[in-house]
Protein backbone atom coordinates (compact mmCIF):
# COMPACT_ATOMS: atom_id res chain seq x y z
CA MET A 1 -0.99 -6.11 14.28
CA PRO A 2 -3.88 -7.43 12.18
CA ARG A 3 -4.96 -5.67 9.03
CA LYS A 4 -8.05 -3.96 10.37
CA GLY A 5 -6.29 -2.66 13.48
CA LEU A 6 -8.04 -4.98 15.93
CA SER A 7 -6.08 -6.20 18.89
CA MET A 8 -5.52 -9.92 19.20
CA ARG A 9 -7.49 -9.76 22.45
CA LYS A 10 -10.54 -8.55 20.53
CA ILE A 11 -10.10 -11.25 17.90
CA ARG A 12 -9.96 -13.87 20.66
CA GLU A 13 -13.17 -12.36 22.06
CA ILE A 14 -14.85 -12.68 18.66
CA LEU A 15 -13.86 -16.34 18.47
CA ARG A 16 -14.95 -17.01 22.07
CA LEU A 17 -18.35 -15.36 21.63
CA HIS A 18 -19.00 -17.22 18.39
CA PHE A 19 -17.75 -20.70 19.27
CA ASP A 20 -18.27 -20.85 23.05
CA ALA A 21 -21.32 -18.65 23.63
CA GLY A 22 -23.04 -19.13 20.24
CA VAL A 23 -23.65 -15.39 19.84
CA SER A 24 -24.74 -14.07 16.43
CA ASP A 25 -22.42 -12.01 14.24
CA ARG A 26 -24.63 -8.95 14.74
CA GLN A 27 -24.46 -9.24 18.53
CA ILE A 28 -20.71 -9.83 18.47
CA ALA A 29 -20.26 -6.73 16.32
CA LYS A 30 -22.33 -4.65 18.74
CA SER A 31 -20.55 -6.07 21.79
CA CYS A 32 -17.06 -5.48 20.37
CA GLY A 33 -17.87 -2.16 18.70
CA ILE A 34 -16.88 -3.25 15.21
CA ALA A 35 -18.64 -3.78 11.88
CA ARG A 36 -20.54 -7.00 11.30
CA SER A 37 -18.56 -7.49 8.08
CA THR A 38 -15.35 -7.46 10.14
CA VAL A 39 -16.73 -10.13 12.46
CA TYR A 40 -17.72 -12.18 9.44
CA GLU A 41 -14.27 -11.80 7.89
CA TYR A 42 -12.46 -12.96 11.05
CA LEU A 43 -14.80 -15.92 11.47
CA GLN A 44 -14.19 -16.88 7.83
CA ARG A 45 -10.44 -16.66 8.41
CA ALA A 46 -10.77 -18.83 11.53
CA GLN A 47 -12.83 -21.39 9.65
CA ALA A 48 -10.33 -21.47 6.76
CA ALA A 49 -7.50 -21.96 9.27
CA GLY A 50 -9.41 -24.78 11.01
CA LEU A 51 -9.59 -22.97 14.35
CA SER A 52 -12.12 -23.81 17.05
CA TRP A 53 -12.70 -22.85 20.65
CA PRO A 54 -10.94 -23.20 23.01
CA LEU A 55 -7.77 -22.36 21.19
CA ALA A 56 -4.77 -24.61 21.69
CA ALA A 57 -2.75 -23.85 24.82
CA ASP A 58 0.34 -22.97 22.76
CA MET A 59 -1.62 -20.51 20.57
CA ASP A 60 -0.04 -17.20 21.56
CA ASP A 61 -0.88 -13.91 19.85
CA ALA A 62 1.93 -14.14 17.31
CA ARG A 63 0.95 -17.65 16.24
CA LEU A 64 -2.75 -16.78 16.08
CA GLU A 65 -1.95 -13.80 13.87
CA ALA A 66 0.25 -15.95 11.63
CA VAL A 67 -2.53 -18.52 11.27
CA LEU A 68 -5.28 -15.98 10.57
CA PHE A 69 -3.26 -13.72 8.27
CA LYS A 70 -1.23 -16.25 6.36
CA GLN A 71 0.15 -14.62 3.24
CA PRO A 72 -0.65 -16.51 0.07
CA ASN A 73 2.39 -18.04 -1.56
CA TYR A 74 2.22 -16.76 -5.10
CA LYS A 75 4.82 -18.39 -7.27
CA THR A 76 4.60 -17.63 -10.90
CA SER A 77 6.49 -19.07 -13.78
CA ARG A 78 5.64 -16.07 -15.96
CA PRO A 79 8.70 -14.50 -17.50
CA LEU A 80 9.39 -10.91 -16.54
CA PRO A 81 9.93 -8.46 -19.38
CA ASP A 82 13.48 -7.31 -20.08
CA MET A 83 13.24 -3.86 -18.50
CA PRO A 84 16.51 -2.34 -19.78
CA TYR A 85 15.50 -3.38 -23.32
CA LEU A 86 12.02 -1.89 -22.88
CA HIS A 87 13.47 1.33 -21.55
CA ALA A 88 15.86 1.62 -24.49
CA GLU A 89 13.07 0.89 -26.98
CA MET A 90 10.75 3.46 -25.39
CA ARG A 91 13.29 6.15 -26.27
CA LYS A 92 12.84 5.42 -29.97
CA LYS A 93 10.46 7.39 -32.12
CA GLY A 94 6.94 5.96 -32.39
CA VAL A 95 7.45 3.13 -29.88
CA THR A 96 4.71 2.60 -27.29
CA LEU A 97 4.22 0.20 -24.42
CA GLN A 98 1.36 -1.39 -26.35
CA ILE A 99 3.72 -2.26 -29.22
CA LEU A 100 6.34 -3.62 -26.82
CA TRP A 101 3.72 -5.65 -24.95
CA ASN A 102 2.51 -7.18 -28.23
CA GLU A 103 6.10 -8.22 -29.02
CA TYR A 104 6.47 -9.61 -25.49
CA LYS A 105 3.24 -11.65 -25.82
CA ASP A 106 4.34 -12.99 -29.23
CA VAL A 107 7.40 -14.50 -27.56
CA HIS A 108 5.85 -15.34 -24.16
CA HIS A 109 2.28 -16.53 -24.72
CA ASP A 110 1.82 -17.17 -20.99
CA GLY A 111 3.31 -13.78 -20.06
CA TYR A 112 1.74 -10.94 -18.14
CA GLN A 113 -1.29 -9.11 -19.40
CA TYR A 114 -0.99 -5.50 -20.51
CA SER A 115 -1.92 -3.80 -17.23
CA GLN A 116 0.58 -5.81 -15.18
CA PHE A 117 3.22 -5.39 -17.89
CA CYS A 118 2.78 -1.60 -17.68
CA GLU A 119 2.86 -1.71 -13.87
CA TYR A 120 6.19 -3.56 -13.89
CA TYR A 121 7.58 -1.01 -16.35
CA ARG A 122 6.38 1.94 -14.24
CA HIS A 123 7.94 0.35 -11.17
CA TYR A 124 11.23 -0.07 -13.06
CA ARG A 125 11.18 3.57 -14.23
CA ARG A 126 10.63 4.84 -10.69
CA LYS A 127 13.85 3.13 -9.65
CA LEU A 128 15.86 5.03 -12.25
CA ASP A 129 17.42 8.23 -11.05
CA ILE A 130 16.91 10.47 -14.02
CA ALA A 131 17.28 14.19 -13.47
CA LEU A 132 18.59 16.96 -15.65
CA ARG A 133 19.04 20.08 -13.63
CA GLN A 134 19.92 23.23 -15.52
CA GLU A 135 20.64 26.41 -13.67
CA HIS A 136 20.20 29.61 -15.63
CA LYS A 137 19.14 33.19 -15.13
CA ALA A 138 15.63 34.04 -16.27
CA GLY A 139 15.59 35.59 -19.73
CA GLU A 140 19.27 34.83 -20.39
CA LYS A 141 18.64 31.80 -22.60
CA MET A 142 15.78 30.44 -24.66
CA PHE A 143 15.01 26.71 -24.68
CA VAL A 144 13.11 25.05 -27.53
CA ASP A 145 11.64 21.60 -27.09
CA TRP A 146 11.94 19.64 -30.34
CA ALA A 147 10.53 16.45 -28.85
CA GLY A 148 7.84 14.43 -30.59
CA GLN A 149 6.90 13.70 -34.15
CA THR A 150 6.64 16.34 -36.83
CA VAL A 151 3.29 17.68 -37.99
CA PRO A 152 2.73 17.82 -41.75
CA ILE A 153 1.18 21.09 -42.94
CA GLN A 154 -0.15 21.47 -46.45
CA SER A 155 0.07 24.85 -48.16
CA CYS A 156 -3.28 26.10 -49.46
CA GLY A 157 -1.74 27.91 -52.40
CA SER A 158 0.76 25.46 -53.81
CA GLY A 159 -0.53 22.22 -52.29
CA SER A 160 2.97 21.32 -51.17
CA CYS A 161 3.48 19.62 -47.80
CA ILE A 162 6.07 20.65 -45.22
CA ASN A 163 6.89 19.11 -41.87
CA VAL A 164 6.73 21.52 -38.98
CA ARG A 165 7.99 20.77 -35.53
């Protein structure tokens, strides 16, 4: 079914009213009970596909839909980032996606921009099945999270610096 949920019968009616009867977009929209922008979009698609009225005799609903909603063929020669490498690097202290993207762009000048690079990495991470389930009774154990970088604290009295987690 077409993107906007219109039946192919209604799309044929839009084309017929426009090409055969010469009805305005506003009148077609009112007649079909749809937005004028939708009428405009379908007429633009028909024009881009080179359609006119009457449609060819062999133009069934499936073929009409294929012609109007042809998917663009995006082929890119951009190199994908090495996801296992990125994932391993992200586990290291102080490593960010921005740093990894800069390294990627140094090697692949025509590579993906930062937002798409991050999207590919997020998509890769969603595929990983990472779960650490720990069953314990409440109050039986205490867990301390030592993740992250240390915070330096300077003593007011002695002026010495210590790293506190």
